[in-house]
């Protein structure tokens, strides 16, 4: 029986018993912030951009202007780990995203007002959604699996992954799963004001765990979260394992309307991102404007060249002089 089939069984049983546990959540914003790139690195073309405001409540500076730059197409092992939190009796979980915290930080929320950052990610997500149905079949090439990464740390990948997931959750025809794949430095739950929870690595390590045991349904109707889970000294090998490939295949093919966003580690600082890249349908690389060295971007591109569809988000770019709410977006 596959992971998803077992998960479906648990959900069916849950529907009969009504035994769903709710978790109240709270937390501080993480260290990772914002969106970025190089206007013509490897022949990319700018699709869009927009201005996001700063918020002093974050320890880091929020992005000022995300842009999307798109390029052309192109087994479980018990190997020792730290103790895992118990998930017995929790066939499925619910958790509340701290939407007020996101609003105060200028981030996207389902009931938020029209804003520069919301408009920016509306433009950014459109080609990604179009690519997710590459050749009319997302299941065949995993194009609904989108990895968000960066060359270096603190460029804004978690900010981008979170806002992208939130924006896609507002779509009429898609649901979205946000996966914290930065297993060395997980921050998605903290970013969303949620408590630590078992997740991805726990499922890869423990035969007794199903995906449904660790998936978190949120108070955003079409958004679910898969936490990173426990830390592990051989996380790269786990993410590159057959068990991970099987899990990704199940996630990609079971729900054709689902877009899966992976917040992955920086490419030049860890080895996990490269292990994930080979299994992704699309990659979005965040580059901080006027900060990330061009050599770093080029080296990062070499590490993900196996992926056919690579995009860039240009983060913290200065707004054009005199750019207003509409003129800036459509410049």
C-alpha atoms as a PDB file:
ATOM      1  CA  UNK A   1       0.000   0.000   0.000  1.00  0.00           C
ATOM      2  CA  UNK A   2       1.412   3.409  -0.979  1.00  0.00           C
ATOM      3  CA  UNK A   3       2.001   6.317   1.388  1.00  0.00           C
ATOM      4  CA  UNK A   4      -0.916   8.256  -0.076  1.00  0.00           C
ATOM      5  CA  UNK A   5      -3.268   5.275  -0.025  1.00  0.00           C
ATOM      6  CA  UNK A   6      -2.502   4.719   3.635  1.00  0.00           C
ATOM      7  CA  UNK A   7      -3.015   8.411   4.221  1.00  0.00           C
ATOM      8  CA  UNK A   8      -6.397   8.286   2.480  1.00  0.00           C
ATOM      9  CA  UNK A   9      -7.410   5.387   4.713  1.00  0.00           C
ATOM     10  CA  UNK A  10      -6.515   7.337   7.799  1.00  0.00           C
ATOM     11  CA  UNK A  11      -8.456  10.360   6.565  1.00  0.00           C
ATOM     12  CA  UNK A  12     -11.499   8.196   5.827  1.00  0.00           C
ATOM     13  CA  UNK A  13     -11.334   6.777   9.339  1.00  0.00           C
ATOM     14  CA  UNK A  14     -10.924  10.262  10.695  1.00  0.00           C
ATOM     15  CA  UNK A  15     -14.071  11.362   8.903  1.00  0.00           C
ATOM     16  CA  UNK A  16     -16.010   8.660  10.747  1.00  0.00           C
ATOM     17  CA  UNK A  17     -14.705   9.422  14.185  1.00  0.00           C
ATOM     18  CA  UNK A  18     -14.367  13.176  13.881  1.00  0.00           C
ATOM     19  CA  UNK A  19     -11.138  12.938  15.866  1.00  0.00           C
ATOM     20  CA  UNK A  20      -9.189  15.906  14.599  1.00  0.00           C
ATOM     21  CA  UNK A  21      -6.761  17.617  16.918  1.00  0.00           C
ATOM     22  CA  UNK A  22      -6.321  21.385  16.699  1.00  0.00           C
ATOM     23  CA  UNK A  23      -3.092  23.166  17.571  1.00  0.00           C
ATOM     24  CA  UNK A  24      -2.927  26.782  18.684  1.00  0.00           C
ATOM     25  CA  UNK A  25       0.166  28.332  17.304  1.00  0.00           C
ATOM     26  CA  UNK A  26       2.433  31.278  17.905  1.00  0.00           C
ATOM     27  CA  UNK A  27       6.011  32.192  17.122  1.00  0.00           C
ATOM     28  CA  UNK A  28       8.572  34.720  16.033  1.00  0.00           C
ATOM     29  CA  UNK A  29       9.485  35.494  12.458  1.00  0.00           C
ATOM     30  CA  UNK A  30      12.517  33.648  11.156  1.00  0.00           C
ATOM     31  CA  UNK A  31      15.813  35.058  10.104  1.00  0.00           C
ATOM     32  CA  UNK A  32      15.259  34.382   6.385  1.00  0.00           C
ATOM     33  CA  UNK A  33      13.410  37.205   4.620  1.00  0.00           C
ATOM     34  CA  UNK A  34      12.804  38.282   1.038  1.00  0.00           C
ATOM     35  CA  UNK A  35      12.974  38.053  -2.996  1.00  0.00           C
ATOM     36  CA  UNK A  36      15.980  38.486  -6.289  1.00  0.00           C
ATOM     37  CA  UNK A  37      18.584  37.955  -9.620  1.00  0.00           C
ATOM     38  CA  UNK A  38      20.719  38.916 -12.553  1.00  0.00           C
ATOM     39  CA  UNK A  39      18.848  40.381 -15.382  1.00  0.00           C
ATOM     40  CA  UNK A  40      20.408  38.340 -18.081  1.00  0.00           C
ATOM     41  CA  UNK A  41      22.268  35.551 -16.320  1.00  0.00           C
ATOM     42  CA  UNK A  42      22.103  32.557 -18.637  1.00  0.00           C
ATOM     43  CA  UNK A  43      19.728  34.352 -21.022  1.00  0.00           C
ATOM     44  CA  UNK A  44      16.782  34.940 -18.698  1.00  0.00           C
ATOM     45  CA  UNK A  45      13.951  37.400 -19.422  1.00  0.00           C
ATOM     46  CA  UNK A  46      12.235  39.566 -16.829  1.00  0.00           C
ATOM     47  CA  UNK A  47       8.558  38.750 -16.478  1.00  0.00           C
ATOM     48  CA  UNK A  48       7.454  40.947 -13.657  1.00  0.00           C
ATOM     49  CA  UNK A  49       8.320  42.895 -10.589  1.00  0.00           C
ATOM     50  CA  UNK A  50       6.692  44.779  -7.737  1.00  0.00           C
ATOM     51  CA  UNK A  51       7.469  46.608  -4.563  1.00  0.00           C
ATOM     52  CA  UNK A  52       7.057  45.110  -1.100  1.00  0.00           C
ATOM     53  CA  UNK A  53       7.216  47.201   2.003  1.00  0.00           C
ATOM     54  CA  UNK A  54       9.578  46.788   4.921  1.00  0.00           C
ATOM     55  CA  UNK A  55       8.334  45.973   8.364  1.00  0.00           C
ATOM     56  CA  UNK A  56      10.410  46.742  11.465  1.00  0.00           C
ATOM     57  CA  UNK A  57       8.930  43.762  13.326  1.00  0.00           C
ATOM     58  CA  UNK A  58      11.128  41.414  11.290  1.00  0.00           C
ATOM     59  CA  UNK A  59      14.776  41.055  12.253  1.00  0.00           C
ATOM     60  CA  UNK A  60      15.687  41.240   8.582  1.00  0.00           C
ATOM     61  CA  UNK A  61      14.637  43.636   5.804  1.00  0.00           C
ATOM     62  CA  UNK A  62      11.649  42.503   3.797  1.00  0.00           C
ATOM     63  CA  UNK A  63      11.929  42.562   0.013  1.00  0.00           C
ATOM     64  CA  UNK A  64      11.189  45.739  -1.804  1.00  0.00           C
ATOM     65  CA  UNK A  65      10.646  44.486  -5.334  1.00  0.00           C
ATOM     66  CA  UNK A  66      10.262  40.853  -6.333  1.00  0.00           C
ATOM     67  CA  UNK A  67      10.595  40.061 -10.040  1.00  0.00           C
ATOM     68  CA  UNK A  68      10.229  36.793 -11.901  1.00  0.00           C
ATOM     69  CA  UNK A  69      12.814  35.986 -14.544  1.00  0.00           C
ATOM     70  CA  UNK A  70      12.096  32.813 -16.512  1.00  0.00           C
ATOM     71  CA  UNK A  71      14.455  30.687 -18.560  1.00  0.00           C
ATOM     72  CA  UNK A  72      13.848  28.060 -21.200  1.00  0.00           C
ATOM     73  CA  UNK A  73      12.890  24.448 -20.599  1.00  0.00           C
ATOM     74  CA  UNK A  74      15.500  22.195 -20.646  1.00  0.00           C
ATOM     75  CA  UNK A  75      14.573   3.405   0.574  1.00  0.00           C
ATOM     76  CA  UNK A  76      14.046   4.169   3.783  1.00  0.00           C
ATOM     77  CA  UNK A  77      17.125   3.424   5.885  1.00  0.00           C
ATOM     78  CA  UNK A  78      17.455   3.448   9.626  1.00  0.00           C
ATOM     79  CA  UNK A  79      20.759   5.293   9.804  1.00  0.00           C
ATOM     80  CA  UNK A  80      20.451   6.908  13.182  1.00  0.00           C
ATOM     81  CA  UNK A  81      18.970  10.238  14.161  1.00  0.00           C
ATOM     82  CA  UNK A  82      17.825  12.394  17.022  1.00  0.00           C
ATOM     83  CA  UNK A  83      14.609  11.361  18.819  1.00  0.00           C
ATOM     84  CA  UNK A  84      11.412  12.184  16.970  1.00  0.00           C
ATOM     85  CA  UNK A  85       8.389  13.810  18.607  1.00  0.00           C
ATOM     86  CA  UNK A  86       5.569  11.361  19.123  1.00  0.00           C
ATOM     87  CA  UNK A  87       2.764  11.449  16.595  1.00  0.00           C
ATOM     88  CA  UNK A  88       0.726   8.554  17.923  1.00  0.00           C
ATOM     89  CA  UNK A  89      -2.976   9.226  17.964  1.00  0.00           C
ATOM     90  CA  UNK A  90      -2.657  12.132  15.504  1.00  0.00           C
ATOM     91  CA  UNK A  91      -3.844  10.677  12.208  1.00  0.00           C
ATOM     92  CA  UNK A  92      -4.238  14.184  10.866  1.00  0.00           C
ATOM     93  CA  UNK A  93      -3.454  17.585  12.298  1.00  0.00           C
ATOM     94  CA  UNK A  94      -4.772  21.067  12.041  1.00  0.00           C
ATOM     95  CA  UNK A  95      -2.778  24.191  12.735  1.00  0.00           C
ATOM     96  CA  UNK A  96      -3.561  27.879  12.617  1.00  0.00           C
ATOM     97  CA  UNK A  97      -1.327  30.236  10.660  1.00  0.00           C
ATOM     98  CA  UNK A  98      -0.884  33.543  12.477  1.00  0.00           C
ATOM     99  CA  UNK A  99      -2.472  35.665   9.761  1.00  0.00           C
ATOM    100  CA  UNK A 100      -2.293  38.846  11.821  1.00  0.00           C
ATOM    101  CA  UNK A 101       1.466  38.457  12.108  1.00  0.00           C
ATOM    102  CA  UNK A 102       1.736  38.072   8.331  1.00  0.00           C
ATOM    103  CA  UNK A 103      -0.463  41.118   7.749  1.00  0.00           C
ATOM    104  CA  UNK A 104       1.654  43.236  10.062  1.00  0.00           C
ATOM    105  CA  UNK A 105       4.756  42.115   8.172  1.00  0.00           C
ATOM    106  CA  UNK A 106       3.233  43.208   4.868  1.00  0.00           C
ATOM    107  CA  UNK A 107       2.885  39.645   3.591  1.00  0.00           C
ATOM    108  CA  UNK A 108       0.034  38.087   1.629  1.00  0.00           C
ATOM    109  CA  UNK A 109      -3.073  36.851   3.439  1.00  0.00           C
ATOM    110  CA  UNK A 110      -6.288  35.494   1.855  1.00  0.00           C
ATOM    111  CA  UNK A 111      -8.409  38.381   3.161  1.00  0.00           C
ATOM    112  CA  UNK A 112      -5.727  41.028   2.687  1.00  0.00           C
ATOM    113  CA  UNK A 113      -6.204  44.235   0.752  1.00  0.00           C
ATOM    114  CA  UNK A 114      -4.843  44.743  -2.740  1.00  0.00           C
ATOM    115  CA  UNK A 115      -1.180  45.572  -2.211  1.00  0.00           C
ATOM    116  CA  UNK A 116       2.106  45.810  -4.128  1.00  0.00           C
ATOM    117  CA  UNK A 117       3.390  42.514  -2.722  1.00  0.00           C
ATOM    118  CA  UNK A 118       0.131  40.700  -3.519  1.00  0.00           C
ATOM    119  CA  UNK A 119       0.214  42.011  -7.081  1.00  0.00           C
ATOM    120  CA  UNK A 120       3.869  41.053  -7.438  1.00  0.00           C
ATOM    121  CA  UNK A 121       3.210  37.420  -6.583  1.00  0.00           C
ATOM    122  CA  UNK A 122       0.114  37.330  -8.771  1.00  0.00           C
ATOM    123  CA  UNK A 123       2.436  38.073 -11.663  1.00  0.00           C
ATOM    124  CA  UNK A 124       5.153  35.738 -10.422  1.00  0.00           C
ATOM    125  CA  UNK A 125       2.875  32.723  -9.996  1.00  0.00           C
ATOM    126  CA  UNK A 126       1.204  32.913 -13.409  1.00  0.00           C
ATOM    127  CA  UNK A 127       4.025  31.418 -15.548  1.00  0.00           C
ATOM    128  CA  UNK A 128       4.732  28.884 -12.808  1.00  0.00           C
ATOM    129  CA  UNK A 129       1.126  27.692 -12.891  1.00  0.00           C
ATOM    130  CA  UNK A 130       1.225  27.579 -16.685  1.00  0.00           C
ATOM    131  CA  UNK A 131       4.405  25.478 -16.559  1.00  0.00           C
ATOM    132  CA  UNK A 132       2.822  23.173 -13.981  1.00  0.00           C
ATOM    133  CA  UNK A 133       0.646  21.876 -16.802  1.00  0.00           C
ATOM    134  CA  UNK A 134       3.575  21.495 -19.190  1.00  0.00           C
ATOM    135  CA  UNK A 135       2.352  19.553 -22.238  1.00  0.00           C
ATOM    136  CA  UNK A 136      -0.996  19.339 -20.477  1.00  0.00           C
ATOM    137  CA  UNK A 137       0.270  16.765 -17.985  1.00  0.00           C
ATOM    138  CA  UNK A 138       1.891  17.880 -14.720  1.00  0.00           C
ATOM    139  CA  UNK A 139       2.011  14.298 -13.469  1.00  0.00           C
ATOM    140  CA  UNK A 140       4.324  13.122 -16.245  1.00  0.00           C
ATOM    141  CA  UNK A 141       7.143  15.540 -15.541  1.00  0.00           C
ATOM    142  CA  UNK A 142       6.575  16.722 -11.960  1.00  0.00           C
ATOM    143  CA  UNK A 143       6.098  20.313 -13.113  1.00  0.00           C
ATOM    144  CA  UNK A 144       3.767  20.870 -10.182  1.00  0.00           C
ATOM    145  CA  UNK A 145       6.793  20.397  -7.891  1.00  0.00           C
ATOM    146  CA  UNK A 146       8.448  23.819  -7.511  1.00  0.00           C
ATOM    147  CA  UNK A 147      11.628  24.318  -5.493  1.00  0.00           C
ATOM    148  CA  UNK A 148      12.419  27.794  -4.157  1.00  0.00           C
ATOM    149  CA  UNK A 149      16.098  28.277  -3.345  1.00  0.00           C
ATOM    150  CA  UNK A 150      18.926  30.821  -3.475  1.00  0.00           C
ATOM    151  CA  UNK A 151      22.672  30.854  -4.001  1.00  0.00           C
ATOM    152  CA  UNK A 152      23.449  32.212  -0.533  1.00  0.00           C
ATOM    153  CA  UNK A 153      21.700  32.716   2.799  1.00  0.00           C
ATOM    154  CA  UNK A 154      19.448  35.649   3.722  1.00  0.00           C
ATOM    155  CA  UNK A 155      18.342  36.383   0.167  1.00  0.00           C
ATOM    156  CA  UNK A 156      14.651  35.877   0.885  1.00  0.00           C
ATOM    157  CA  UNK A 157      13.775  32.371  -0.256  1.00  0.00           C
ATOM    158  CA  UNK A 158      11.455  31.609   2.690  1.00  0.00           C
ATOM    159  CA  UNK A 159       9.700  34.942   2.256  1.00  0.00           C
ATOM    160  CA  UNK A 160       9.190  34.129  -1.427  1.00  0.00           C
ATOM    161  CA  UNK A 161       8.135  30.520  -0.878  1.00  0.00           C
ATOM    162  CA  UNK A 162       5.604  31.540   1.763  1.00  0.00           C
ATOM    163  CA  UNK A 163       4.082  34.365  -0.263  1.00  0.00           C
ATOM    164  CA  UNK A 164       4.030  32.239  -3.398  1.00  0.00           C
ATOM    165  CA  UNK A 165       2.194  29.452  -1.578  1.00  0.00           C
ATOM    166  CA  UNK A 166      -0.259  31.909  -0.044  1.00  0.00           C
ATOM    167  CA  UNK A 167      -0.938  33.495  -3.435  1.00  0.00           C
ATOM    168  CA  UNK A 168      -1.519  30.120  -5.114  1.00  0.00           C
ATOM    169  CA  UNK A 169      -3.905  29.172  -2.303  1.00  0.00           C
ATOM    170  CA  UNK A 170      -6.111  32.027  -3.515  1.00  0.00           C
ATOM    171  CA  UNK A 171      -6.487  30.359  -6.929  1.00  0.00           C
ATOM    172  CA  UNK A 172      -9.874  28.905  -7.840  1.00  0.00           C
ATOM    173  CA  UNK A 173      -8.506  25.760  -9.482  1.00  0.00           C
ATOM    174  CA  UNK A 174      -5.483  24.816  -7.390  1.00  0.00           C
ATOM    175  CA  UNK A 175      -4.564  23.720  -3.902  1.00  0.00           C
ATOM    176  CA  UNK A 176      -1.045  24.127  -2.541  1.00  0.00           C
ATOM    177  CA  UNK A 177       1.273  22.193  -0.242  1.00  0.00           C
ATOM    178  CA  UNK A 178       4.161  24.178   1.292  1.00  0.00           C
ATOM    179  CA  UNK A 179       7.067  21.881   2.210  1.00  0.00           C
ATOM    180  CA  UNK A 180       9.837  23.043   4.530  1.00  0.00           C
ATOM    181  CA  UNK A 181      12.724  21.263   2.805  1.00  0.00           C
ATOM    182  CA  UNK A 182      15.411  23.404   4.437  1.00  0.00           C
ATOM    183  CA  UNK A 183      16.046  20.554   6.829  1.00  0.00           C
ATOM    184  CA  UNK A 184      19.303  22.043   8.135  1.00  0.00           C
ATOM    185  CA  UNK A 185      17.678  25.311   9.121  1.00  0.00           C
ATOM    186  CA  UNK A 186      13.876  24.932   8.982  1.00  0.00           C
ATOM    187  CA  UNK A 187      11.952  28.167   9.365  1.00  0.00           C
ATOM    188  CA  UNK A 188       8.565  27.879   7.618  1.00  0.00           C
ATOM    189  CA  UNK A 189       6.596  27.070  10.786  1.00  0.00           C
ATOM    190  CA  UNK A 190       8.277  29.892  12.681  1.00  0.00           C
ATOM    191  CA  UNK A 191       7.593  32.243   9.797  1.00  0.00           C
ATOM    192  CA  UNK A 192       3.909  31.345   9.929  1.00  0.00           C
ATOM    193  CA  UNK A 193       3.693  31.583  13.712  1.00  0.00           C
ATOM    194  CA  UNK A 194       3.245  27.823  14.164  1.00  0.00           C
ATOM    195  CA  UNK A 195       4.770  25.384  16.642  1.00  0.00           C
ATOM    196  CA  UNK A 196       7.469  22.810  15.718  1.00  0.00           C
ATOM    197  CA  UNK A 197       6.051  19.535  14.460  1.00  0.00           C
ATOM    198  CA  UNK A 198       7.188  16.199  12.941  1.00  0.00           C
ATOM    199  CA  UNK A 199       7.495  16.275   9.185  1.00  0.00           C
ATOM    200  CA  UNK A 200       9.360  15.255   6.045  1.00  0.00           C
ATOM    201  CA  UNK A 201      12.438  13.555   7.512  1.00  0.00           C
ATOM    202  CA  UNK A 202      10.331  11.698  10.070  1.00  0.00           C
ATOM    203  CA  UNK A 203       8.293  10.101   7.264  1.00  0.00           C
ATOM    204  CA  UNK A 204      11.492   9.098   5.443  1.00  0.00           C
ATOM    205  CA  UNK A 205      12.982   7.576   8.595  1.00  0.00           C
ATOM    206  CA  UNK A 206      10.009   5.812  10.169  1.00  0.00           C
ATOM    207  CA  UNK A 207       8.015   3.098   8.423  1.00  0.00           C
ATOM    208  CA  UNK A 208       5.221   3.588  10.940  1.00  0.00           C
ATOM    209  CA  UNK A 209       4.571   7.161   9.799  1.00  0.00           C
ATOM    210  CA  UNK A 210       2.349   8.111   6.889  1.00  0.00           C
ATOM    211  CA  UNK A 211       2.181  11.446   5.132  1.00  0.00           C
ATOM    212  CA  UNK A 212      -1.199  12.067   6.775  1.00  0.00           C
ATOM    213  CA  UNK A 213       0.447  11.784  10.194  1.00  0.00           C
ATOM    214  CA  UNK A 214       2.546  14.886   9.629  1.00  0.00           C
ATOM    215  CA  UNK A 215       0.627  17.021   7.119  1.00  0.00           C
ATOM    216  CA  UNK A 216      -0.919  20.084   8.724  1.00  0.00           C
ATOM    217  CA  UNK A 217      -4.203  21.443   7.482  1.00  0.00           C
ATOM    218  CA  UNK A 218      -4.276  25.181   8.058  1.00  0.00           C
ATOM    219  CA  UNK A 219      -6.862  27.893   8.518  1.00  0.00           C
ATOM    220  CA  UNK A 220      -6.167  28.917   4.917  1.00  0.00           C
ATOM    221  CA  UNK A 221      -8.614  26.715   3.037  1.00  0.00           C
ATOM    222  CA  UNK A 222      -6.426  25.500   0.178  1.00  0.00           C
ATOM    223  CA  UNK A 223      -3.047  25.531   1.947  1.00  0.00           C
ATOM    224  CA  UNK A 224      -1.432  22.591   3.761  1.00  0.00           C
ATOM    225  CA  UNK A 225       2.014  22.457   5.385  1.00  0.00           C
ATOM    226  CA  UNK A 226       4.597  19.665   5.488  1.00  0.00           C
ATOM    227  CA  UNK A 227       7.207  20.616   8.142  1.00  0.00           C
ATOM    228  CA  UNK A 228      10.866  19.637   7.874  1.00  0.00           C
ATOM    229  CA  UNK A 229      10.689  17.455  10.975  1.00  0.00           C
ATOM    230  CA  UNK A 230      13.690  16.337  12.988  1.00  0.00           C
ATOM    231  CA  UNK A 231      17.225  17.286  12.098  1.00  0.00           C
ATOM    232  CA  UNK A 232      19.467  14.516  10.796  1.00  0.00           C
ATOM    233  CA  UNK A 233      23.194  14.264  10.118  1.00  0.00           C
ATOM    234  CA  UNK A 234      22.582  12.439   6.822  1.00  0.00           C
ATOM    235  CA  UNK A 235      19.697  14.517   5.533  1.00  0.00           C
ATOM    236  CA  UNK A 236      21.250  14.856   2.059  1.00  0.00           C
ATOM    237  CA  UNK A 237      21.261  11.090   1.613  1.00  0.00           C
ATOM    238  CA  UNK A 238      17.666  10.914   2.835  1.00  0.00           C
ATOM    239  CA  UNK A 239      16.506  13.573   0.370  1.00  0.00           C
ATOM    240  CA  UNK A 240      18.310  11.762  -2.450  1.00  0.00           C
ATOM    241  CA  UNK A 241      16.976   8.319  -1.504  1.00  0.00           C
ATOM    242  CA  UNK A 242      14.502   6.056  -3.306  1.00  0.00           C
ATOM    243  CA  UNK A 243      12.091   6.657  -0.429  1.00  0.00           C
ATOM    244  CA  UNK A 244      12.140  10.395  -1.180  1.00  0.00           C
ATOM    245  CA  UNK A 245      11.643   9.775  -4.902  1.00  0.00           C
ATOM    246  CA  UNK A 246       8.649   7.568  -4.157  1.00  0.00           C
ATOM    247  CA  UNK A 247       7.220  10.179  -1.791  1.00  0.00           C
ATOM    248  CA  UNK A 248       7.614  12.953  -4.381  1.00  0.00           C
ATOM    249  CA  UNK A 249       5.996  10.802  -7.036  1.00  0.00           C
ATOM    250  CA  UNK A 250       3.017  10.177  -4.779  1.00  0.00           C
ATOM    251  CA  UNK A 251       2.691  13.859  -3.919  1.00  0.00           C
ATOM    252  CA  UNK A 252       2.981  14.969  -7.551  1.00  0.00           C
ATOM    253  CA  UNK A 253       0.653  12.411  -9.101  1.00  0.00           C
ATOM    254  CA  UNK A 254      -2.042  11.832  -6.489  1.00  0.00           C
ATOM    255  CA  UNK A 255      -3.511  15.328  -6.653  1.00  0.00           C
ATOM    256  CA  UNK A 256      -3.262  16.839 -10.164  1.00  0.00           C
ATOM    257  CA  UNK A 257      -4.668  20.185  -8.961  1.00  0.00           C
ATOM    258  CA  UNK A 258      -2.054  20.522  -6.222  1.00  0.00           C
ATOM    259  CA  UNK A 259       1.013  22.722  -6.555  1.00  0.00           C
ATOM    260  CA  UNK A 260       3.847  21.764  -4.203  1.00  0.00           C
ATOM    261  CA  UNK A 261       6.244  24.516  -3.096  1.00  0.00           C
ATOM    262  CA  UNK A 262       9.554  23.430  -1.522  1.00  0.00           C
ATOM    263  CA  UNK A 263      11.459  25.942   0.596  1.00  0.00           C
ATOM    264  CA  UNK A 264      14.928  24.480  -0.036  1.00  0.00           C
ATOM    265  CA  UNK A 265      18.352  25.338   1.451  1.00  0.00           C
ATOM    266  CA  UNK A 266      20.814  27.713  -0.278  1.00  0.00           C
ATOM    267  CA  UNK A 267      22.617  25.977  -3.134  1.00  0.00           C
ATOM    268  CA  UNK A 268      26.162  27.070  -2.312  1.00  0.00           C
ATOM    269  CA  UNK A 269      25.998  26.463   1.437  1.00  0.00           C
ATOM    270  CA  UNK A 270      24.493  22.979   1.700  1.00  0.00           C
ATOM    271  CA  UNK A 271      24.227  19.796  -0.346  1.00  0.00           C
ATOM    272  CA  UNK A 272      20.507  19.137   0.257  1.00  0.00           C
ATOM    273  CA  UNK A 273      19.282  21.582  -2.393  1.00  0.00           C
ATOM    274  CA  UNK A 274      21.195  19.840  -5.159  1.00  0.00           C
ATOM    275  CA  UNK A 275      19.771  16.478  -4.074  1.00  0.00           C
ATOM    276  CA  UNK A 276      16.259  17.926  -4.348  1.00  0.00           C
ATOM    277  CA  UNK A 277      16.856  19.785  -7.605  1.00  0.00           C
ATOM    278  CA  UNK A 278      17.235  16.649  -9.684  1.00  0.00           C
ATOM    279  CA  UNK A 279      13.682  15.626  -8.752  1.00  0.00           C
ATOM    280  CA  UNK A 280      11.905  18.953  -9.274  1.00  0.00           C
ATOM    281  CA  UNK A 281       9.817  20.007 -12.250  1.00  0.00           C
ATOM    282  CA  UNK A 282      10.566  23.715 -11.763  1.00  0.00           C
ATOM    283  CA  UNK A 283      13.093  25.722  -9.758  1.00  0.00           C
ATOM    284  CA  UNK A 284      12.742  29.315  -8.602  1.00  0.00           C
ATOM    285  CA  UNK A 285      16.016  30.920  -7.563  1.00  0.00           C
ATOM    286  CA  UNK A 286      15.912  34.024  -5.361  1.00  0.00           C
ATOM    287  CA  UNK A 287      18.665  36.573  -5.905  1.00  0.00           C
ATOM    288  CA  UNK A 288      19.121  39.702  -3.813  1.00  0.00           C
ATOM    289  CA  UNK A 289      19.427  42.841  -5.925  1.00  0.00           C
ATOM    290  CA  UNK A 290      22.798  44.591  -5.880  1.00  0.00           C
ATOM    291  CA  UNK A 291      24.102  42.126  -3.290  1.00  0.00           C
ATOM    292  CA  UNK A 292      24.447  38.585  -4.648  1.00  0.00           C
ATOM    293  CA  UNK A 293      27.684  38.240  -6.674  1.00  0.00           C
ATOM    294  CA  UNK A 294      27.182  37.249 -10.295  1.00  0.00           C
ATOM    295  CA  UNK A 295      29.739  34.460  -9.862  1.00  0.00           C
ATOM    296  CA  UNK A 296      27.612  32.990  -7.067  1.00  0.00           C
ATOM    297  CA  UNK A 297      24.542  32.964  -9.308  1.00  0.00           C
ATOM    298  CA  UNK A 298      26.417  31.308 -12.168  1.00  0.00           C
ATOM    299  CA  UNK A 299      27.863  28.641  -9.865  1.00  0.00           C
ATOM    300  CA  UNK A 300      24.423  27.982  -8.377  1.00  0.00           C
ATOM    301  CA  UNK A 301      23.002  27.583 -11.887  1.00  0.00           C
ATOM    302  CA  UNK A 302      25.575  24.895 -12.635  1.00  0.00           C
ATOM    303  CA  UNK A 303      24.274  22.882  -9.708  1.00  0.00           C
ATOM    304  CA  UNK A 304      20.669  22.875 -10.916  1.00  0.00           C
ATOM    305  CA  UNK A 305      21.193  22.533 -14.664  1.00  0.00           C
ATOM    306  CA  UNK A 306      19.467  19.134 -14.609  1.00  0.00           C
ATOM    307  CA  UNK A 307      16.137  20.912 -14.187  1.00  0.00           C
ATOM    308  CA  UNK A 308      14.434  21.916 -17.441  1.00  0.00           C
ATOM    309  CA  UNK A 309      12.613  24.980 -16.086  1.00  0.00           C
ATOM    310  CA  UNK A 310      14.520  27.521 -14.015  1.00  0.00           C
ATOM    311  CA  UNK A 311      13.124  30.891 -12.941  1.00  0.00           C
ATOM    312  CA  UNK A 312      14.490  33.786 -10.926  1.00  0.00           C
ATOM    313  CA  UNK A 313      12.945  36.185  -8.452  1.00  0.00           C
ATOM    314  CA  UNK A 314      14.730  39.523  -8.189  1.00  0.00           C
ATOM    315  CA  UNK A 315      14.480  40.671  -4.597  1.00  0.00           C
ATOM    316  CA  UNK A 316      14.957  43.991  -2.808  1.00  0.00           C
ATOM    317  CA  UNK A 317      15.216  45.911  -6.052  1.00  0.00           C
ATOM    318  CA  UNK A 318      14.691  49.648  -5.834  1.00  0.00           C
ATOM    319  CA  UNK A 319      11.440  50.943  -7.332  1.00  0.00           C
ATOM    320  CA  UNK A 320      11.638  52.916 -10.519  1.00  0.00           C
ATOM    321  CA  UNK A 321      11.544  56.702  -9.955  1.00  0.00           C
ATOM    322  CA  UNK A 322       7.967  57.895 -10.009  1.00  0.00           C
ATOM    323  CA  UNK A 323       6.583  54.362 -10.259  1.00  0.00           C
ATOM    324  CA  UNK A 324       3.074  54.233  -8.848  1.00  0.00           C
ATOM    325  CA  UNK A 325       0.803  51.336  -7.893  1.00  0.00           C
ATOM    326  CA  UNK A 326      -0.178  50.342 -11.417  1.00  0.00           C
ATOM    327  CA  UNK A 327       2.573  51.819 -13.564  1.00  0.00           C
ATOM    328  CA  UNK A 328       5.229  49.991 -11.587  1.00  0.00           C
ATOM    329  CA  UNK A 329       3.694  46.567 -12.149  1.00  0.00           C
ATOM    330  CA  UNK A 330       3.192  47.002 -15.841  1.00  0.00           C
ATOM    331  CA  UNK A 331       6.457  48.773 -16.623  1.00  0.00           C
END
